[in-house]
Amino acid sequence: MLSLQSLPVDARVEAGFKLGNMLARNQSPDDAAQAYYRVISEFLNNATLANELGPQGRYWMAKCLFELANLYEQKNQF
């Protein structure tokens, strides 16, 4: 879903969060961290895509950031 350019940016960010969330629930914290990081790096490092984020996209991006931070904290990687 993240790579489907035809979808709105907000939907792609939401899909990325939900992928990471699913992986975290399935006891794959490293895979979940990679999924969250992919969303963050793909959409925040690109100024054009970052500017396209609407309220829902920003909400899901914030959740990605918080969940990634939580995973790092659980592994004592500050």
PDB file of N, CA and C in Angstrom:
ATOM      1  N   MET A   1       0.818  -1.195   0.000  1.00  0.00           N
ATOM      2  CA  MET A   1       0.000   0.000   0.000  1.00  0.00           C
ATOM      3  C   MET A   1       0.865   1.264   0.000  1.00  0.00           C
ATOM      4  N   LEU A   2       1.995   1.202   0.678  1.00  0.00           N
ATOM      5  CA  LEU A   2       2.833   2.392   0.748  1.00  0.00           C
ATOM      6  C   LEU A   2       3.321   2.832  -0.621  1.00  0.00           C
ATOM      7  N   SER A   3       3.541   1.882  -1.494  1.00  0.00           N
ATOM      8  CA  SER A   3       4.105   2.216  -2.798  1.00  0.00           C
ATOM      9  C   SER A   3       3.053   2.525  -3.853  1.00  0.00           C
ATOM     10  N   LEU A   4       1.794   2.434  -3.528  1.00  0.00           N
ATOM     11  CA  LEU A   4       0.741   2.749  -4.489  1.00  0.00           C
ATOM     12  C   LEU A   4       0.612   4.265  -4.620  1.00  0.00           C
ATOM     13  N   GLN A   5       1.227   4.795  -5.656  1.00  0.00           N
ATOM     14  CA  GLN A   5       1.268   6.236  -5.859  1.00  0.00           C
ATOM     15  C   GLN A   5      -0.116   6.837  -6.105  1.00  0.00           C
ATOM     16  N   SER A   6      -1.078   6.011  -6.520  1.00  0.00           N
ATOM     17  CA  SER A   6      -2.408   6.524  -6.825  1.00  0.00           C
ATOM     18  C   SER A   6      -3.228   6.818  -5.567  1.00  0.00           C
ATOM     19  N   LEU A   7      -2.802   6.282  -4.431  1.00  0.00           N
ATOM     20  CA  LEU A   7      -3.525   6.538  -3.181  1.00  0.00           C
ATOM     21  C   LEU A   7      -3.096   7.864  -2.574  1.00  0.00           C
ATOM     22  N   PRO A   8      -4.007   8.517  -1.858  1.00  0.00           N
ATOM     23  CA  PRO A   8      -3.616   9.747  -1.157  1.00  0.00           C
ATOM     24  C   PRO A   8      -2.524   9.459  -0.123  1.00  0.00           C
ATOM     25  N   VAL A   9      -1.710  10.443   0.121  1.00  0.00           N
ATOM     26  CA  VAL A   9      -0.593  10.297   1.068  1.00  0.00           C
ATOM     27  C   VAL A   9      -1.107   9.890   2.444  1.00  0.00           C
ATOM     28  N   ASP A  10      -2.212  10.478   2.886  1.00  0.00           N
ATOM     29  CA  ASP A  10      -2.747  10.148   4.208  1.00  0.00           C
ATOM     30  C   ASP A  10      -3.065   8.656   4.320  1.00  0.00           C
ATOM     31  N   ALA A  11      -3.654   8.083   3.278  1.00  0.00           N
ATOM     32  CA  ALA A  11      -4.003   6.657   3.296  1.00  0.00           C
ATOM     33  C   ALA A  11      -2.749   5.790   3.308  1.00  0.00           C
ATOM     34  N   ARG A  12      -1.724   6.207   2.606  1.00  0.00           N
ATOM     35  CA  ARG A  12      -0.481   5.448   2.574  1.00  0.00           C
ATOM     36  C   ARG A  12       0.209   5.455   3.929  1.00  0.00           C
ATOM     37  N   VAL A  13       0.185   6.597   4.602  1.00  0.00           N
ATOM     38  CA  VAL A  13       0.784   6.691   5.945  1.00  0.00           C
ATOM     39  C   VAL A  13      -0.013   5.831   6.923  1.00  0.00           C
ATOM     40  N   GLU A  14      -1.333   5.875   6.834  1.00  0.00           N
ATOM     41  CA  GLU A  14      -2.173   5.044   7.700  1.00  0.00           C
ATOM     42  C   GLU A  14      -1.876   3.566   7.475  1.00  0.00           C
ATOM     43  N   ALA A  15      -1.758   3.161   6.231  1.00  0.00           N
ATOM     44  CA  ALA A  15      -1.454   1.764   5.920  1.00  0.00           C
ATOM     45  C   ALA A  15      -0.104   1.356   6.500  1.00  0.00           C
ATOM     46  N   GLY A  16       0.863   2.241   6.415  1.00  0.00           N
ATOM     47  CA  GLY A  16       2.183   1.953   6.980  1.00  0.00           C
ATOM     48  C   GLY A  16       2.128   1.786   8.488  1.00  0.00           C
ATOM     49  N   PHE A  17       1.357   2.650   9.147  1.00  0.00           N
ATOM     50  CA  PHE A  17       1.213   2.513  10.600  1.00  0.00           C
ATOM     51  C   PHE A  17       0.579   1.178  10.938  1.00  0.00           C
ATOM     52  N   LYS A  18      -0.488   0.836  10.217  1.00  0.00           N
ATOM     53  CA  LYS A  18      -1.209  -0.401  10.523  1.00  0.00           C
ATOM     54  C   LYS A  18      -0.354  -1.634  10.252  1.00  0.00           C
ATOM     55  N   LEU A  19       0.522  -1.572   9.263  1.00  0.00           N
ATOM     56  CA  LEU A  19       1.461  -2.667   9.023  1.00  0.00           C
ATOM     57  C   LEU A  19       2.405  -2.809  10.216  1.00  0.00           C
ATOM     58  N   GLY A  20       2.969  -1.697  10.665  1.00  0.00           N
ATOM     59  CA  GLY A  20       3.849  -1.739  11.825  1.00  0.00           C
ATOM     60  C   GLY A  20       3.141  -2.232  13.070  1.00  0.00           C
ATOM     61  N   ASN A  21       1.911  -1.798  13.258  1.00  0.00           N
ATOM     62  CA  ASN A  21       1.119  -2.206  14.411  1.00  0.00           C
ATOM     63  C   ASN A  21       0.848  -3.710  14.377  1.00  0.00           C
ATOM     64  N   MET A  22       0.530  -4.238  13.199  1.00  0.00           N
ATOM     65  CA  MET A  22       0.287  -5.664  13.057  1.00  0.00           C
ATOM     66  C   MET A  22       1.556  -6.451  13.386  1.00  0.00           C
ATOM     67  N   LEU A  23       2.679  -5.989  12.877  1.00  0.00           N
ATOM     68  CA  LEU A  23       3.947  -6.670  13.148  1.00  0.00           C
ATOM     69  C   LEU A  23       4.297  -6.627  14.625  1.00  0.00           C
ATOM     70  N   ALA A  24       4.036  -5.508  15.274  1.00  0.00           N
ATOM     71  CA  ALA A  24       4.314  -5.395  16.715  1.00  0.00           C
ATOM     72  C   ALA A  24       3.441  -6.359  17.508  1.00  0.00           C
ATOM     73  N   ARG A  25       2.203  -6.496  17.105  1.00  0.00           N
ATOM     74  CA  ARG A  25       1.293  -7.429  17.800  1.00  0.00           C
ATOM     75  C   ARG A  25       1.713  -8.882  17.607  1.00  0.00           C
ATOM     76  N   ASN A  26       2.359  -9.175  16.486  1.00  0.00           N
ATOM     77  CA  ASN A  26       2.784 -10.541  16.191  1.00  0.00           C
ATOM     78  C   ASN A  26       4.190 -10.821  16.703  1.00  0.00           C
ATOM     79  N   GLN A  27       4.605 -10.070  17.688  1.00  0.00           N
ATOM     80  CA  GLN A  27       5.894 -10.272  18.346  1.00  0.00           C
ATOM     81  C   GLN A  27       7.071 -10.159  17.385  1.00  0.00           C
ATOM     82  N   SER A  28       6.985  -9.207  16.477  1.00  0.00           N
ATOM     83  CA  SER A  28       8.089  -8.933  15.554  1.00  0.00           C
ATOM     84  C   SER A  28       8.512  -7.477  15.714  1.00  0.00           C
ATOM     85  N   PRO A  29       9.063  -7.123  16.876  1.00  0.00           N
ATOM     86  CA  PRO A  29       9.366  -5.707  17.125  1.00  0.00           C
ATOM     87  C   PRO A  29      10.391  -5.119  16.161  1.00  0.00           C
ATOM     88  N   ASP A  30      11.345  -5.908  15.710  1.00  0.00           N
ATOM     89  CA  ASP A  30      12.330  -5.378  14.767  1.00  0.00           C
ATOM     90  C   ASP A  30      11.686  -5.080  13.414  1.00  0.00           C
ATOM     91  N   ASP A  31      10.806  -5.978  12.976  1.00  0.00           N
ATOM     92  CA  ASP A  31      10.095  -5.743  11.722  1.00  0.00           C
ATOM     93  C   ASP A  31       9.141  -4.557  11.852  1.00  0.00           C
ATOM     94  N   ALA A  32       8.500  -4.440  13.009  1.00  0.00           N
ATOM     95  CA  ALA A  32       7.603  -3.312  13.238  1.00  0.00           C
ATOM     96  C   ALA A  32       8.385  -2.004  13.210  1.00  0.00           C
ATOM     97  N   ALA A  33       9.538  -1.983  13.839  1.00  0.00           N
ATOM     98  CA  ALA A  33      10.366  -0.777  13.846  1.00  0.00           C
ATOM     99  C   ALA A  33      10.776  -0.405  12.430  1.00  0.00           C
ATOM    100  N   GLN A  34      11.108  -1.394  11.611  1.00  0.00           N
ATOM    101  CA  GLN A  34      11.472  -1.124  10.223  1.00  0.00           C
ATOM    102  C   GLN A  34      10.293  -0.550   9.449  1.00  0.00           C
ATOM    103  N   ALA A  35       9.090  -1.075   9.706  1.00  0.00           N
ATOM    104  CA  ALA A  35       7.897  -0.573   9.013  1.00  0.00           C
ATOM    105  C   ALA A  35       7.627   0.878   9.401  1.00  0.00           C
ATOM    106  N   TYR A  36       7.702   1.186  10.698  1.00  0.00           N
ATOM    107  CA  TYR A  36       7.486   2.569  11.140  1.00  0.00           C
ATOM    108  C   TYR A  36       8.552   3.489  10.561  1.00  0.00           C
ATOM    109  N   TYR A  37       9.795   3.027  10.600  1.00  0.00           N
ATOM    110  CA  TYR A  37      10.890   3.860  10.092  1.00  0.00           C
ATOM    111  C   TYR A  37      10.733   4.118   8.595  1.00  0.00           C
ATOM    112  N   ARG A  38      10.271   3.118   7.875  1.00  0.00           N
ATOM    113  CA  ARG A  38      10.062   3.298   6.430  1.00  0.00           C
ATOM    114  C   ARG A  38       9.037   4.402   6.166  1.00  0.00           C
ATOM    115  N   VAL A  39       7.949   4.396   6.913  1.00  0.00           N
ATOM    116  CA  VAL A  39       6.921   5.431   6.753  1.00  0.00           C
ATOM    117  C   VAL A  39       7.509   6.796   7.068  1.00  0.00           C
ATOM    118  N   ILE A  40       8.198   6.881   8.189  1.00  0.00           N
ATOM    119  CA  ILE A  40       8.762   8.162   8.622  1.00  0.00           C
ATOM    120  C   ILE A  40       9.770   8.685   7.603  1.00  0.00           C
ATOM    121  N   SER A  41      10.661   7.819   7.170  1.00  0.00           N
ATOM    122  CA  SER A  41      11.691   8.284   6.246  1.00  0.00           C
ATOM    123  C   SER A  41      11.125   8.604   4.868  1.00  0.00           C
ATOM    124  N   GLU A  42      10.159   7.819   4.416  1.00  0.00           N
ATOM    125  CA  GLU A  42       9.612   8.049   3.078  1.00  0.00           C
ATOM    126  C   GLU A  42       8.775   9.323   2.999  1.00  0.00           C
ATOM    127  N   PHE A  43       8.018   9.611   4.030  1.00  0.00           N
ATOM    128  CA  PHE A  43       7.073  10.722   3.956  1.00  0.00           C
ATOM    129  C   PHE A  43       7.533  11.998   4.641  1.00  0.00           C
ATOM    130  N   LEU A  44       8.453  11.907   5.583  1.00  0.00           N
ATOM    131  CA  LEU A  44       8.942  13.129   6.222  1.00  0.00           C
ATOM    132  C   LEU A  44      10.225  13.646   5.598  1.00  0.00           C
ATOM    133  N   ASN A  45      10.999  12.769   4.978  1.00  0.00           N
ATOM    134  CA  ASN A  45      12.237  13.212   4.332  1.00  0.00           C
ATOM    135  C   ASN A  45      11.991  13.799   2.954  1.00  0.00           C
ATOM    136  N   ASN A  46      10.799  13.638   2.443  1.00  0.00           N
ATOM    137  CA  ASN A  46      10.426  14.189   1.141  1.00  0.00           C
ATOM    138  C   ASN A  46       9.520  15.391   1.400  1.00  0.00           C
ATOM    139  N   ALA A  47      10.017  16.587   1.162  1.00  0.00           N
ATOM    140  CA  ALA A  47       9.270  17.805   1.480  1.00  0.00           C
ATOM    141  C   ALA A  47       7.929  17.857   0.750  1.00  0.00           C
ATOM    142  N   THR A  48       7.888  17.377  -0.481  1.00  0.00           N
ATOM    143  CA  THR A  48       6.639  17.406  -1.240  1.00  0.00           C
ATOM    144  C   THR A  48       5.590  16.528  -0.579  1.00  0.00           C
ATOM    145  N   LEU A  49       5.974  15.304  -0.225  1.00  0.00           N
ATOM    146  CA  LEU A  49       5.023  14.403   0.422  1.00  0.00           C
ATOM    147  C   LEU A  49       4.652  14.891   1.819  1.00  0.00           C
ATOM    148  N   ALA A  50       5.607  15.429   2.551  1.00  0.00           N
ATOM    149  CA  ALA A  50       5.319  15.941   3.889  1.00  0.00           C
ATOM    150  C   ALA A  50       4.300  17.076   3.829  1.00  0.00           C
ATOM    151  N   ASN A  51       4.404  17.920   2.807  1.00  0.00           N
ATOM    152  CA  ASN A  51       3.454  19.025   2.660  1.00  0.00           C
ATOM    153  C   ASN A  51       2.064  18.553   2.253  1.00  0.00           C
ATOM    154  N   GLU A  52       1.982  17.357   1.680  1.00  0.00           N
ATOM    155  CA  GLU A  52       0.683  16.812   1.274  1.00  0.00           C
ATOM    156  C   GLU A  52      -0.072  16.163   2.424  1.00  0.00           C
ATOM    157  N   LEU A  53       0.593  15.956   3.549  1.00  0.00           N
ATOM    158  CA  LEU A  53      -0.081  15.330   4.688  1.00  0.00           C
ATOM    159  C   LEU A  53      -1.195  16.232   5.204  1.00  0.00           C
ATOM    160  N   GLY A  54      -2.378  15.652   5.288  1.00  0.00           N
ATOM    161  CA  GLY A  54      -3.510  16.366   5.867  1.00  0.00           C
ATOM    162  C   GLY A  54      -3.621  16.027   7.338  1.00  0.00           C
ATOM    163  N   PRO A  55      -4.711  16.413   7.980  1.00  0.00           N
ATOM    164  CA  PRO A  55      -4.874  16.130   9.413  1.00  0.00           C
ATOM    165  C   PRO A  55      -4.795  14.641   9.743  1.00  0.00           C
ATOM    166  N   GLN A  56      -5.420  13.809   8.933  1.00  0.00           N
ATOM    167  CA  GLN A  56      -5.378  12.373   9.218  1.00  0.00           C
ATOM    168  C   GLN A  56      -3.974  11.807   9.004  1.00  0.00           C
ATOM    169  N   GLY A  57      -3.302  12.250   7.975  1.00  0.00           N
ATOM    170  CA  GLY A  57      -1.942  11.790   7.725  1.00  0.00           C
ATOM    171  C   GLY A  57      -0.991  12.193   8.843  1.00  0.00           C
ATOM    172  N   ARG A  58      -1.159  13.415   9.337  1.00  0.00           N
ATOM    173  CA  ARG A  58      -0.313  13.863  10.448  1.00  0.00           C
ATOM    174  C   ARG A  58      -0.598  13.052  11.712  1.00  0.00           C
ATOM    175  N   TYR A  59      -1.869  12.699  11.914  1.00  0.00           N
ATOM    176  CA  TYR A  59      -2.252  11.866  13.062  1.00  0.00           C
ATOM    177  C   TYR A  59      -1.534  10.517  12.991  1.00  0.00           C
ATOM    178  N   TRP A  60      -1.605   9.849  11.833  1.00  0.00           N
ATOM    179  CA  TRP A  60      -0.976   8.541  11.682  1.00  0.00           C
ATOM    180  C   TRP A  60       0.542   8.642  11.737  1.00  0.00           C
ATOM    181  N   MET A  61       1.086   9.724  11.222  1.00  0.00           N
ATOM    182  CA  MET A  61       2.541   9.915  11.290  1.00  0.00           C
ATOM    183  C   MET A  61       2.977  10.063  12.743  1.00  0.00           C
ATOM    184  N   ALA A  62       2.218  10.819  13.529  1.00  0.00           N
ATOM    185  CA  ALA A  62       2.545  10.977  14.945  1.00  0.00           C
ATOM    186  C   ALA A  62       2.499   9.633  15.656  1.00  0.00           C
ATOM    187  N   LYS A  63       1.511   8.818  15.329  1.00  0.00           N
ATOM    188  CA  LYS A  63       1.426   7.485  15.930  1.00  0.00           C
ATOM    189  C   LYS A  63       2.639   6.637  15.540  1.00  0.00           C
ATOM    190  N   CYS A  64       3.082   6.743  14.293  1.00  0.00           N
ATOM    191  CA  CYS A  64       4.291   6.022  13.869  1.00  0.00           C
ATOM    192  C   CYS A  64       5.489   6.453  14.699  1.00  0.00           C
ATOM    193  N   LEU A  65       5.644   7.764  14.864  1.00  0.00           N
ATOM    194  CA  LEU A  65       6.777   8.284  15.635  1.00  0.00           C
ATOM    195  C   LEU A  65       6.733   7.805  17.080  1.00  0.00           C
ATOM    196  N   PHE A  66       5.550   7.870  17.709  1.00  0.00           N
ATOM    197  CA  PHE A  66       5.430   7.442  19.100  1.00  0.00           C
ATOM    198  C   PHE A  66       5.666   5.938  19.248  1.00  0.00           C
ATOM    199  N   GLU A  67       5.124   5.149  18.335  1.00  0.00           N
ATOM    200  CA  GLU A  67       5.303   3.698  18.429  1.00  0.00           C
ATOM    201  C   GLU A  67       6.757   3.300  18.186  1.00  0.00           C
ATOM    202  N   LEU A  68       7.415   3.956  17.238  1.00  0.00           N
ATOM    203  CA  LEU A  68       8.834   3.667  17.010  1.00  0.00           C
ATOM    204  C   LEU A  68       9.646   4.024  18.254  1.00  0.00           C
ATOM    205  N   ALA A  69       9.357   5.170  18.844  1.00  0.00           N
ATOM    206  CA  ALA A  69      10.051   5.567  20.076  1.00  0.00           C
ATOM    207  C   ALA A  69       9.790   4.556  21.190  1.00  0.00           C
ATOM    208  N   ASN A  70       8.570   4.067  21.277  1.00  0.00           N
ATOM    209  CA  ASN A  70       8.222   3.072  22.293  1.00  0.00           C
ATOM    210  C   ASN A  70       8.999   1.778  22.078  1.00  0.00           C
ATOM    211  N   LEU A  71       9.114   1.341  20.822  1.00  0.00           N
ATOM    212  CA  LEU A  71       9.888   0.125  20.536  1.00  0.00           C
ATOM    213  C   LEU A  71      11.353   0.319  20.901  1.00  0.00           C
ATOM    214  N   TYR A  72      11.918   1.468  20.561  1.00  0.00           N
ATOM    215  CA  TYR A  72      13.310   1.743  20.921  1.00  0.00           C
ATOM    216  C   TYR A  72      13.492   1.773  22.444  1.00  0.00           C
ATOM    217  N   GLU A  73      12.523   2.354  23.135  1.00  0.00           N
ATOM    218  CA  GLU A  73      12.610   2.421  24.591  1.00  0.00           C
ATOM    219  C   GLU A  73      12.573   1.019  25.199  1.00  0.00           C
ATOM    220  N   GLN A  74      11.724   0.157  24.660  1.00  0.00           N
ATOM    221  CA  GLN A  74      11.637  -1.220  25.177  1.00  0.00           C
ATOM    222  C   GLN A  74      12.962  -1.963  24.997  1.00  0.00           C
ATOM    223  N   LYS A  75      13.697  -1.626  23.966  1.00  0.00           N
ATOM    224  CA  LYS A  75      14.977  -2.284  23.703  1.00  0.00           C
ATOM    225  C   LYS A  75      16.150  -1.501  24.309  1.00  0.00           C
ATOM    226  N   ASN A  76      15.849  -0.466  25.101  1.00  0.00           N
ATOM    227  CA  ASN A  76      16.868   0.388  25.712  1.00  0.00           C
ATOM    228  C   ASN A  76      17.790   1.021  24.679  1.00  0.00           C
ATOM    229  N   GLN A  77      17.239   1.394  23.546  1.00  0.00           N
ATOM    230  CA  GLN A  77      17.992   2.105  22.508  1.00  0.00           C
ATOM    231  C   GLN A  77      17.499   3.541  22.473  1.00  0.00           C
ATOM    232  N   PHE A  78      18.120   4.369  23.284  1.00  0.00           N
ATOM    233  CA  PHE A  78      17.648   5.745  23.383  1.00  0.00           C
ATOM    234  C   PHE A  78      18.297   6.623  22.360  1.00  0.00           C
TER     235      PHE A  78
END
